[in-house]
PDB file of N, CA and C in Angstrom:
ATOM      1  N   MET A   1       0.826  -1.181   0.000  1.00  0.00           N
ATOM      2  CA  MET A   1       0.000   0.000   0.000  1.00  0.00           C
ATOM      3  C   MET A   1       0.870   1.244   0.000  1.00  0.00           C
ATOM      4  N   ALA A   2       0.461   2.241  -0.735  1.00  0.00           N
ATOM      5  CA  ALA A   2       1.250   3.460  -0.857  1.00  0.00           C
ATOM      6  C   ALA A   2       0.687   4.563   0.035  1.00  0.00           C
ATOM      7  N   ILE A   3       1.535   5.534   0.319  1.00  0.00           N
ATOM      8  CA  ILE A   3       1.124   6.685   1.105  1.00  0.00           C
ATOM      9  C   ILE A   3       0.210   7.552   0.234  1.00  0.00           C
ATOM     10  N   ALA A   4      -0.814   8.143   0.829  1.00  0.00           N
ATOM     11  CA  ALA A   4      -1.780   8.944   0.068  1.00  0.00           C
ATOM     12  C   ALA A   4      -1.268  10.372  -0.108  1.00  0.00           C
ATOM     13  N   ARG A   5      -0.139  10.536  -0.775  1.00  0.00           N
ATOM     14  CA  ARG A   5       0.373  11.878  -1.025  1.00  0.00           C
ATOM     15  C   ARG A   5      -0.134  12.414  -2.347  1.00  0.00           C
ATOM     16  N   ILE A   6      -0.672  11.530  -3.178  1.00  0.00           N
ATOM     17  CA  ILE A   6      -1.244  11.924  -4.463  1.00  0.00           C
ATOM     18  C   ILE A   6      -2.704  11.502  -4.473  1.00  0.00           C
ATOM     19  N   ARG A   7      -3.568  12.461  -4.824  1.00  0.00           N
ATOM     20  CA  ARG A   7      -4.998  12.199  -4.837  1.00  0.00           C
ATOM     21  C   ARG A   7      -5.597  12.573  -6.182  1.00  0.00           C
ATOM     22  N   LYS A   8      -6.835  12.177  -6.394  1.00  0.00           N
ATOM     23  CA  LYS A   8      -7.549  12.491  -7.627  1.00  0.00           C
ATOM     24  C   LYS A   8      -7.641  14.014  -7.787  1.00  0.00           C
ATOM     25  N   ASN A   9      -7.508  14.472  -9.028  1.00  0.00           N
ATOM     26  CA  ASN A   9      -7.556  15.884  -9.427  1.00  0.00           C
ATOM     27  C   ASN A   9      -6.310  16.681  -9.039  1.00  0.00           C
ATOM     28  N   ASP A  10      -5.267  16.050  -8.499  1.00  0.00           N
ATOM     29  CA  ASP A  10      -3.994  16.734  -8.251  1.00  0.00           C
ATOM     30  C   ASP A  10      -3.252  16.914  -9.566  1.00  0.00           C
ATOM     31  N   THR A  11      -2.454  17.959  -9.654  1.00  0.00           N
ATOM     32  CA  THR A  11      -1.548  18.112 -10.782  1.00  0.00           C
ATOM     33  C   THR A  11      -0.221  17.504 -10.374  1.00  0.00           C
ATOM     34  N   VAL A  12       0.299  16.595 -11.192  1.00  0.00           N
ATOM     35  CA  VAL A  12       1.533  15.888 -10.863  1.00  0.00           C
ATOM     36  C   VAL A  12       2.529  16.004 -12.006  1.00  0.00           C
ATOM     37  N   ILE A  13       3.799  15.733 -11.698  1.00  0.00           N
ATOM     38  CA  ILE A  13       4.855  15.702 -12.703  1.00  0.00           C
ATOM     39  C   ILE A  13       5.495  14.318 -12.650  1.00  0.00           C
ATOM     40  N   VAL A  14       5.832  13.778 -13.813  1.00  0.00           N
ATOM     41  CA  VAL A  14       6.473  12.462 -13.908  1.00  0.00           C
ATOM     42  C   VAL A  14       7.975  12.665 -13.743  1.00  0.00           C
ATOM     43  N   ILE A  15       8.610  11.891 -12.852  1.00  0.00           N
ATOM     44  CA  ILE A  15      10.032  12.084 -12.577  1.00  0.00           C
ATOM     45  C   ILE A  15      10.924  11.012 -13.182  1.00  0.00           C
ATOM     46  N   ARG A  16      10.356   9.905 -13.656  1.00  0.00           N
ATOM     47  CA  ARG A  16      11.140   8.834 -14.267  1.00  0.00           C
ATOM     48  C   ARG A  16      10.400   8.251 -15.461  1.00  0.00           C
ATOM     49  N   GLY A  17      11.132   7.641 -16.386  1.00  0.00           N
ATOM     50  CA  GLY A  17      10.526   6.926 -17.489  1.00  0.00           C
ATOM     51  C   GLY A  17      10.500   7.727 -18.776  1.00  0.00           C
ATOM     52  N   ASN A  18       9.781   7.207 -19.754  1.00  0.00           N
ATOM     53  CA  ASN A  18       9.700   7.836 -21.073  1.00  0.00           C
ATOM     54  C   ASN A  18       9.009   9.185 -21.036  1.00  0.00           C
ATOM     55  N   ASP A  19       8.092   9.389 -20.099  1.00  0.00           N
ATOM     56  CA  ASP A  19       7.337  10.631 -20.007  1.00  0.00           C
ATOM     57  C   ASP A  19       7.894  11.570 -18.944  1.00  0.00           C
ATOM     58  N   ALA A  20       9.142  11.419 -18.566  1.00  0.00           N
ATOM     59  CA  ALA A  20       9.733  12.252 -17.524  1.00  0.00           C
ATOM     60  C   ALA A  20       9.644  13.729 -17.908  1.00  0.00           C
ATOM     61  N   GLY A  21       9.200  14.548 -16.960  1.00  0.00           N
ATOM     62  CA  GLY A  21       9.066  15.974 -17.187  1.00  0.00           C
ATOM     63  C   GLY A  21       7.677  16.410 -17.604  1.00  0.00           C
ATOM     64  N   LYS A  22       6.807  15.474 -17.981  1.00  0.00           N
ATOM     65  CA  LYS A  22       5.449  15.822 -18.384  1.00  0.00           C
ATOM     66  C   LYS A  22       4.578  16.019 -17.143  1.00  0.00           C
ATOM     67  N   THR A  23       3.617  16.923 -17.253  1.00  0.00           N
ATOM     68  CA  THR A  23       2.675  17.142 -16.168  1.00  0.00           C
ATOM     69  C   THR A  23       1.279  16.760 -16.630  1.00  0.00           C
ATOM     70  N   GLY A  24       0.421  16.453 -15.679  1.00  0.00           N
ATOM     71  CA  GLY A  24      -0.956  16.104 -15.995  1.00  0.00           C
ATOM     72  C   GLY A  24      -1.783  16.052 -14.732  1.00  0.00           C
ATOM     73  N   THR A  25      -3.076  15.887 -14.904  1.00  0.00           N
ATOM     74  CA  THR A  25      -4.011  15.800 -13.790  1.00  0.00           C
ATOM     75  C   THR A  25      -4.326  14.339 -13.515  1.00  0.00           C
ATOM     76  N   VAL A  26      -4.372  13.983 -12.252  1.00  0.00           N
ATOM     77  CA  VAL A  26      -4.659  12.606 -11.855  1.00  0.00           C
ATOM     78  C   VAL A  26      -6.141  12.327 -12.081  1.00  0.00           C
ATOM     79  N   LEU A  27      -6.436  11.305 -12.879  1.00  0.00           N
ATOM     80  CA  LEU A  27      -7.807  10.922 -13.168  1.00  0.00           C
ATOM     81  C   LEU A  27      -8.332   9.915 -12.153  1.00  0.00           C
ATOM     82  N   SER A  28      -7.468   8.992 -11.714  1.00  0.00           N
ATOM     83  CA  SER A  28      -7.849   8.014 -10.688  1.00  0.00           C
ATOM     84  C   SER A  28      -6.596   7.470 -10.024  1.00  0.00           C
ATOM     85  N   VAL A  29      -6.775   6.976  -8.794  1.00  0.00           N
ATOM     86  CA  VAL A  29      -5.672   6.417  -8.011  1.00  0.00           C
ATOM     87  C   VAL A  29      -6.094   5.056  -7.496  1.00  0.00           C
ATOM     88  N   ASN A  30      -5.185   4.080  -7.575  1.00  0.00           N
ATOM     89  CA  ASN A  30      -5.410   2.757  -7.012  1.00  0.00           C
ATOM     90  C   ASN A  30      -4.334   2.510  -5.950  1.00  0.00           C
ATOM     91  N   PRO A  31      -4.610   2.838  -4.671  1.00  0.00           N
ATOM     92  CA  PRO A  31      -3.580   2.718  -3.646  1.00  0.00           C
ATOM     93  C   PRO A  31      -3.132   1.281  -3.362  1.00  0.00           C
ATOM     94  N   LYS A  32      -4.010   0.300  -3.574  1.00  0.00           N
ATOM     95  CA  LYS A  32      -3.619  -1.091  -3.322  1.00  0.00           C
ATOM     96  C   LYS A  32      -2.550  -1.553  -4.302  1.00  0.00           C
ATOM     97  N   LYS A  33      -2.679  -1.146  -5.568  1.00  0.00           N
ATOM     98  CA  LYS A  33      -1.683  -1.499  -6.572  1.00  0.00           C
ATOM     99  C   LYS A  33      -0.543  -0.494  -6.615  1.00  0.00           C
ATOM    100  N   GLY A  34      -0.742   0.690  -6.025  1.00  0.00           N
ATOM    101  CA  GLY A  34       0.288   1.724  -6.042  1.00  0.00           C
ATOM    102  C   GLY A  34       0.421   2.396  -7.394  1.00  0.00           C
ATOM    103  N   THR A  35      -0.714   2.584  -8.090  1.00  0.00           N
ATOM    104  CA  THR A  35      -0.692   3.191  -9.414  1.00  0.00           C
ATOM    105  C   THR A  35      -1.705   4.328  -9.508  1.00  0.00           C
ATOM    106  N   ALA A  36      -1.526   5.150 -10.525  1.00  0.00           N
ATOM    107  CA  ALA A  36      -2.469   6.230 -10.821  1.00  0.00           C
ATOM    108  C   ALA A  36      -2.564   6.398 -12.328  1.00  0.00           C
ATOM    109  N   ILE A  37      -3.712   6.860 -12.800  1.00  0.00           N
ATOM    110  CA  ILE A  37      -3.876   7.182 -14.208  1.00  0.00           C
ATOM    111  C   ILE A  37      -3.847   8.698 -14.319  1.00  0.00           C
ATOM    112  N   VAL A  38      -2.907   9.192 -15.141  1.00  0.00           N
ATOM    113  CA  VAL A  38      -2.684  10.629 -15.281  1.00  0.00           C
ATOM    114  C   VAL A  38      -3.036  11.033 -16.716  1.00  0.00           C
ATOM    115  N   GLY A  39      -3.814  12.090 -16.857  1.00  0.00           N
ATOM    116  CA  GLY A  39      -4.237  12.568 -18.170  1.00  0.00           C
ATOM    117  C   GLY A  39      -3.058  13.042 -19.009  1.00  0.00           C
ATOM    118  N   GLY A  40      -2.925  12.509 -20.226  1.00  0.00           N
ATOM    119  CA  GLY A  40      -1.873  12.919 -21.148  1.00  0.00           C
ATOM    120  C   GLY A  40      -0.525  12.264 -20.915  1.00  0.00           C
ATOM    121  N   VAL A  41      -0.441  11.343 -19.981  1.00  0.00           N
ATOM    122  CA  VAL A  41       0.829  10.693 -19.646  1.00  0.00           C
ATOM    123  C   VAL A  41       0.675   9.187 -19.824  1.00  0.00           C
ATOM    124  N   ASN A  42       1.719   8.523 -20.323  1.00  0.00           N
ATOM    125  CA  ASN A  42       1.754   7.075 -20.516  1.00  0.00           C
ATOM    126  C   ASN A  42       0.633   6.624 -21.456  1.00  0.00           C
ATOM    127  N   ARG A  43       0.508   7.305 -22.590  1.00  0.00           N
ATOM    128  CA  ARG A  43      -0.524   6.976 -23.578  1.00  0.00           C
ATOM    129  C   ARG A  43      -0.017   5.879 -24.512  1.00  0.00           C
ATOM    130  N   HIS A  44      -0.884   4.893 -24.750  1.00  0.00           N
ATOM    131  CA  HIS A  44      -0.570   3.797 -25.658  1.00  0.00           C
ATOM    132  C   HIS A  44      -1.783   3.511 -26.526  1.00  0.00           C
ATOM    133  N   LYS A  45      -1.550   2.862 -27.658  1.00  0.00           N
ATOM    134  CA  LYS A  45      -2.645   2.463 -28.525  1.00  0.00           C
ATOM    135  C   LYS A  45      -3.128   1.089 -28.099  1.00  0.00           C
ATOM    136  N   LYS A  46      -4.441   0.923 -28.118  1.00  0.00           N
ATOM    137  CA  LYS A  46      -5.045  -0.332 -27.708  1.00  0.00           C
ATOM    138  C   LYS A  46      -6.087  -0.720 -28.743  1.00  0.00           C
ATOM    139  N   ALA A  47      -6.074  -1.982 -29.167  1.00  0.00           N
ATOM    140  CA  ALA A  47      -7.064  -2.470 -30.127  1.00  0.00           C
ATOM    141  C   ALA A  47      -8.355  -2.774 -29.380  1.00  0.00           C
ATOM    142  N   VAL A  48      -9.450  -2.188 -29.872  1.00  0.00           N
ATOM    143  CA  VAL A  48     -10.746  -2.362 -29.217  1.00  0.00           C
ATOM    144  C   VAL A  48     -11.729  -2.954 -30.217  1.00  0.00           C
ATOM    145  N   ARG A  49     -12.493  -3.935 -29.768  1.00  0.00           N
ATOM    146  CA  ARG A  49     -13.493  -4.575 -30.620  1.00  0.00           C
ATOM    147  C   ARG A  49     -14.705  -3.654 -30.776  1.00  0.00           C
ATOM    148  N   ARG A  50     -15.285  -3.668 -31.960  1.00  0.00           N
ATOM    149  CA  ARG A  50     -16.456  -2.845 -32.220  1.00  0.00           C
ATOM    150  C   ARG A  50     -17.640  -3.361 -31.416  1.00  0.00           C
ATOM    151  N   THR A  51     -18.410  -2.454 -30.854  1.00  0.00           N
ATOM    152  CA  THR A  51     -19.641  -2.805 -30.142  1.00  0.00           C
ATOM    153  C   THR A  51     -20.777  -1.971 -30.711  1.00  0.00           C
ATOM    154  N   GLU A  52     -21.971  -2.187 -30.190  1.00  0.00           N
ATOM    155  CA  GLU A  52     -23.115  -1.399 -30.648  1.00  0.00           C
ATOM    156  C   GLU A  52     -22.968   0.063 -30.240  1.00  0.00           C
ATOM    157  N   LYS A  53     -22.293   0.306 -29.129  1.00  0.00           N
ATOM    158  CA  LYS A  53     -22.176   1.666 -28.605  1.00  0.00           C
ATOM    159  C   LYS A  53     -21.048   2.463 -29.236  1.00  0.00           C
ATOM    160  N   GLU A  54     -19.941   1.824 -29.555  1.00  0.00           N
ATOM    161  CA  GLU A  54     -18.803   2.567 -30.105  1.00  0.00           C
ATOM    162  C   GLU A  54     -18.117   1.796 -31.227  1.00  0.00           C
ATOM    163  N   ALA A  55     -17.451   2.570 -32.073  1.00  0.00           N
ATOM    164  CA  ALA A  55     -16.725   1.964 -33.182  1.00  0.00           C
ATOM    165  C   ALA A  55     -15.436   1.341 -32.670  1.00  0.00           C
ATOM    166  N   GLY A  56     -15.012   0.281 -33.285  1.00  0.00           N
ATOM    167  CA  GLY A  56     -13.790  -0.377 -32.877  1.00  0.00           C
ATOM    168  C   GLY A  56     -12.579   0.225 -33.552  1.00  0.00           C
ATOM    169  N   GLY A  57     -11.447  -0.421 -33.386  1.00  0.00           N
ATOM    170  CA  GLY A  57     -10.211   0.032 -34.001  1.00  0.00           C
ATOM    171  C   GLY A  57      -9.161   0.330 -32.955  1.00  0.00           C
ATOM    172  N   LEU A  58      -8.149   1.078 -33.364  1.00  0.00           N
ATOM    173  CA  LEU A  58      -7.089   1.455 -32.438  1.00  0.00           C
ATOM    174  C   LEU A  58      -7.466   2.757 -31.748  1.00  0.00           C
ATOM    175  N   ILE A  59      -7.522   2.706 -30.435  1.00  0.00           N
ATOM    176  CA  ILE A  59      -7.770   3.929 -29.674  1.00  0.00           C
ATOM    177  C   ILE A  59      -6.543   4.208 -28.826  1.00  0.00           C
ATOM    178  N   GLU A  60      -6.313   5.466 -28.521  1.00  0.00           N
ATOM    179  CA  GLU A  60      -5.181   5.849 -27.685  1.00  0.00           C
ATOM    180  C   GLU A  60      -5.732   6.215 -26.315  1.00  0.00           C
ATOM    181  N   ARG A  61      -5.174   5.606 -25.263  1.00  0.00           N
ATOM    182  CA  ARG A  61      -5.659   5.875 -23.922  1.00  0.00           C
ATOM    183  C   ARG A  61      -4.516   5.881 -22.929  1.00  0.00           C
ATOM    184  N   GLU A  62      -4.774   6.416 -21.743  1.00  0.00           N
ATOM    185  CA  GLU A  62      -3.771   6.464 -20.685  1.00  0.00           C
ATOM    186  C   GLU A  62      -3.750   5.139 -19.933  1.00  0.00           C
ATOM    187  N   PHE A  63      -2.548   4.708 -19.586  1.00  0.00           N
ATOM    188  CA  PHE A  63      -2.372   3.506 -18.798  1.00  0.00           C
ATOM    189  C   PHE A  63      -1.788   3.891 -17.442  1.00  0.00           C
ATOM    190  N   PRO A  64      -1.910   3.019 -16.438  1.00  0.00           N
ATOM    191  CA  PRO A  64      -1.452   3.377 -15.091  1.00  0.00           C
ATOM    192  C   PRO A  64       0.053   3.639 -15.005  1.00  0.00           C
ATOM    193  N   VAL A  65       0.416   4.532 -14.071  1.00  0.00           N
ATOM    194  CA  VAL A  65       1.804   4.882 -13.773  1.00  0.00           C
ATOM    195  C   VAL A  65       2.023   4.597 -12.296  1.00  0.00           C
ATOM    196  N   ARG A  66       3.178   4.067 -11.948  1.00  0.00           N
ATOM    197  CA  ARG A  66       3.494   3.808 -10.540  1.00  0.00           C
ATOM    198  C   ARG A  66       3.532   5.124  -9.762  1.00  0.00           C
ATOM    199  N   LEU A  67       3.012   5.119  -8.548  1.00  0.00           N
ATOM    200  CA  LEU A  67       2.999   6.327  -7.719  1.00  0.00           C
ATOM    201  C   LEU A  67       4.407   6.786  -7.374  1.00  0.00           C
ATOM    202  N   SER A  68       5.371   5.862  -7.348  1.00  0.00           N
ATOM    203  CA  SER A  68       6.744   6.225  -7.026  1.00  0.00           C
ATOM    204  C   SER A  68       7.384   7.073  -8.120  1.00  0.00           C
ATOM    205  N   LYS A  69       6.793   7.081  -9.301  1.00  0.00           N
ATOM    206  CA  LYS A  69       7.331   7.870 -10.421  1.00  0.00           C
ATOM    207  C   LYS A  69       6.641   9.224 -10.563  1.00  0.00           C
ATOM    208  N   LEU A  70       5.747   9.553  -9.633  1.00  0.00           N
ATOM    209  CA  LEU A  70       4.999  10.807  -9.689  1.00  0.00           C
ATOM    210  C   LEU A  70       5.306  11.665  -8.464  1.00  0.00           C
ATOM    211  N   MET A  71       5.298  12.985  -8.679  1.00  0.00           N
ATOM    212  CA  MET A  71       5.422  13.942  -7.580  1.00  0.00           C
ATOM    213  C   MET A  71       4.366  15.018  -7.762  1.00  0.00           C
ATOM    214  N   PRO A  72       3.787  15.500  -6.670  1.00  0.00           N
ATOM    215  CA  PRO A  72       2.876  16.639  -6.800  1.00  0.00           C
ATOM    216  C   PRO A  72       3.614  17.820  -7.416  1.00  0.00           C
ATOM    217  N   TYR A  73       2.937  18.564  -8.276  1.00  0.00           N
ATOM    218  CA  TYR A  73       3.542  19.669  -9.011  1.00  0.00           C
ATOM    219  C   TYR A  73       3.289  20.976  -8.272  1.00  0.00           C
ATOM    220  N   ASP A  74       4.366  21.738  -8.047  1.00  0.00           N
ATOM    221  CA  ASP A  74       4.269  23.039  -7.399  1.00  0.00           C
ATOM    222  C   ASP A  74       4.298  24.108  -8.489  1.00  0.00           C
ATOM    223  N   ALA A  75       3.182  24.821  -8.666  1.00  0.00           N
ATOM    224  CA  ALA A  75       3.067  25.796  -9.754  1.00  0.00           C
ATOM    225  C   ALA A  75       4.010  26.982  -9.559  1.00  0.00           C
ATOM    226  N   GLU A  76       4.326  27.341  -8.319  1.00  0.00           N
ATOM    227  CA  GLU A  76       5.200  28.488  -8.078  1.00  0.00           C
ATOM    228  C   GLU A  76       6.631  28.228  -8.512  1.00  0.00           C
ATOM    229  N   SER A  77       7.168  27.078  -8.122  1.00  0.00           N
ATOM    230  CA  SER A  77       8.554  26.767  -8.476  1.00  0.00           C
ATOM    231  C   SER A  77       8.660  26.032  -9.804  1.00  0.00           C
ATOM    232  N   LYS A  78       7.509  25.631 -10.366  1.00  0.00           N
ATOM    233  CA  LYS A  78       7.438  24.884 -11.634  1.00  0.00           C
ATOM    234  C   LYS A  78       8.252  23.597 -11.597  1.00  0.00           C
ATOM    235  N   ARG A  79       8.235  22.936 -10.436  1.00  0.00           N
ATOM    236  CA  ARG A  79       8.929  21.660 -10.243  1.00  0.00           C
ATOM    237  C   ARG A  79       8.094  20.782  -9.323  1.00  0.00           C
ATOM    238  N   GLY A  80       8.528  19.544  -9.186  1.00  0.00           N
ATOM    239  CA  GLY A  80       7.867  18.649  -8.260  1.00  0.00           C
ATOM    240  C   GLY A  80       8.228  19.012  -6.832  1.00  0.00           C
ATOM    241  N   THR A  81       7.374  18.645  -5.898  1.00  0.00           N
ATOM    242  CA  THR A  81       7.604  18.954  -4.502  1.00  0.00           C
ATOM    243  C   THR A  81       7.209  17.777  -3.624  1.00  0.00           C
ATOM    244  N   ARG A  82       7.824  17.700  -2.473  1.00  0.00           N
ATOM    245  CA  ARG A  82       7.401  16.714  -1.479  1.00  0.00           C
ATOM    246  C   ARG A  82       6.226  17.308  -0.709  1.00  0.00           C
ATOM    247  N   VAL A  83       5.491  16.455  -0.026  1.00  0.00           N
ATOM    248  CA  VAL A  83       4.292  16.891   0.682  1.00  0.00           C
ATOM    249  C   VAL A  83       4.431  16.538   2.155  1.00  0.00           C
ATOM    250  N   ARG A  84       4.019  17.471   3.000  1.00  0.00           N
ATOM    251  CA  ARG A  84       3.942  17.187   4.436  1.00  0.00           C
ATOM    252  C   ARG A  84       2.545  17.556   4.892  1.00  0.00           C
ATOM    253  N   THR A  85       2.149  17.053   6.042  1.00  0.00           N
ATOM    254  CA  THR A  85       0.831  17.400   6.559  1.00  0.00           C
ATOM    255  C   THR A  85       0.988  18.455   7.634  1.00  0.00           C
ATOM    256  N   GLY A  86       0.000  19.286   7.743  1.00  0.00           N
ATOM    257  CA  GLY A  86       0.007  20.344   8.734  1.00  0.00           C
ATOM    258  C   GLY A  86      -1.358  20.982   8.792  1.00  0.00           C
ATOM    259  N   GLU A  87      -1.430  22.140   9.448  1.00  0.00           N
ATOM    260  CA  GLU A  87      -2.697  22.841   9.570  1.00  0.00           C
ATOM    261  C   GLU A  87      -2.661  24.148   8.811  1.00  0.00           C
ATOM    262  N   LYS A  88      -3.694  24.407   8.060  1.00  0.00           N
ATOM    263  CA  LYS A  88      -3.900  25.675   7.363  1.00  0.00           C
ATOM    264  C   LYS A  88      -5.306  26.132   7.716  1.00  0.00           C
ATOM    265  N   GLU A  89      -5.415  27.284   8.326  1.00  0.00           N
ATOM    266  CA  GLU A  89      -6.702  27.869   8.716  1.00  0.00           C
ATOM    267  C   GLU A  89      -7.509  26.919   9.586  1.00  0.00           C
ATOM    268  N   GLY A  90      -6.840  26.240  10.511  1.00  0.00           N
ATOM    269  CA  GLY A  90      -7.520  25.360  11.455  1.00  0.00           C
ATOM    270  C   GLY A  90      -7.924  24.009  10.920  1.00  0.00           C
ATOM    271  N   LYS A  91      -7.606  23.713   9.664  1.00  0.00           N
ATOM    272  CA  LYS A  91      -7.949  22.417   9.077  1.00  0.00           C
ATOM    273  C   LYS A  91      -6.687  21.668   8.710  1.00  0.00           C
ATOM    274  N   LYS A  92      -6.766  20.341   8.754  1.00  0.00           N
ATOM    275  CA  LYS A  92      -5.653  19.492   8.349  1.00  0.00           C
ATOM    276  C   LYS A  92      -5.489  19.601   6.835  1.00  0.00           C
ATOM    277  N   ALA A  93      -4.249  19.787   6.371  1.00  0.00           N
ATOM    278  CA  ALA A  93      -4.031  19.992   4.941  1.00  0.00           C
ATOM    279  C   ALA A  93      -2.709  19.389   4.512  1.00  0.00           C
ATOM    280  N   ARG A  94      -2.588  19.136   3.203  1.00  0.00           N
ATOM    281  CA  ARG A  94      -1.311  18.729   2.621  1.00  0.00           C
ATOM    282  C   ARG A  94      -0.589  19.991   2.194  1.00  0.00           C
ATOM    283  N   ILE A  95       0.668  20.129   2.611  1.00  0.00           N
ATOM    284  CA  ILE A  95       1.420  21.362   2.377  1.00  0.00           C
ATOM    285  C   ILE A  95       2.649  21.058   1.541  1.00  0.00           C
ATOM    286  N   SER A  96       2.902  21.906   0.550  1.00  0.00           N
ATOM    287  CA  SER A  96       4.082  21.785  -0.304  1.00  0.00           C
ATOM    288  C   SER A  96       5.321  22.150   0.502  1.00  0.00           C
ATOM    289  N   VAL A  97       6.355  21.318   0.433  1.00  0.00           N
ATOM    290  CA  VAL A  97       7.588  21.584   1.170  1.00  0.00           C
ATOM    291  C   VAL A  97       8.329  22.773   0.549  1.00  0.00           C
ATOM    292  N   LYS A  98       8.296  22.892  -0.790  1.00  0.00           N
ATOM    293  CA  LYS A  98       9.036  23.965  -1.460  1.00  0.00           C
ATOM    294  C   LYS A  98       8.439  25.345  -1.205  1.00  0.00           C
ATOM    295  N   SER A  99       7.107  25.488  -1.372  1.00  0.00           N
ATOM    296  CA  SER A  99       6.509  26.818  -1.261  1.00  0.00           C
ATOM    297  C   SER A  99       5.789  27.056   0.056  1.00  0.00           C
ATOM    298  N   GLY A 100       5.441  26.008   0.781  1.00  0.00           N
ATOM    299  CA  GLY A 100       4.719  26.164   2.039  1.00  0.00           C
ATOM    300  C   GLY A 100       3.229  26.397   1.855  1.00  0.00           C
ATOM    301  N   LYS A 101       2.728  26.318   0.631  1.00  0.00           N
ATOM    302  CA  LYS A 101       1.301  26.531   0.368  1.00  0.00           C
ATOM    303  C   LYS A 101       0.549  25.207   0.413  1.00  0.00           C
ATOM    304  N   ALA A 102      -0.729  25.282   0.734  1.00  0.00           N
ATOM    305  CA  ALA A 102      -1.570  24.089   0.769  1.00  0.00           C
ATOM    306  C   ALA A 102      -1.883  23.626  -0.650  1.00  0.00           C
ATOM    307  N   LEU A 103      -1.911  22.314  -0.833  1.00  0.00           N
ATOM    308  CA  LEU A 103      -2.252  21.753  -2.150  1.00  0.00           C
ATOM    309  C   LEU A 103      -3.756  21.596  -2.280  1.00  0.00           C
TER     310      LEU A 103
END
């Protein structure tokens, strides 16, 4: 099981692999497998059979990325950042280590 430092709708940056340096929004997270699906990252072509609802053929879609290869993206420094927990305005929040702002 992975630490919940990355959640759905977070902006993340890929730090390893073919897509290193790309940013995207997290579409879904699977903490048991330790993977996430990120929009615009790790896209591959997949052959799909035609059905009544949609046409078949080769479609391009996102495939899961290991959480260890992702970092939350800090818009101020334009780089990845580590996350710590703390309090912002009396509520528990995830805080960027680089900028000190809540994610």
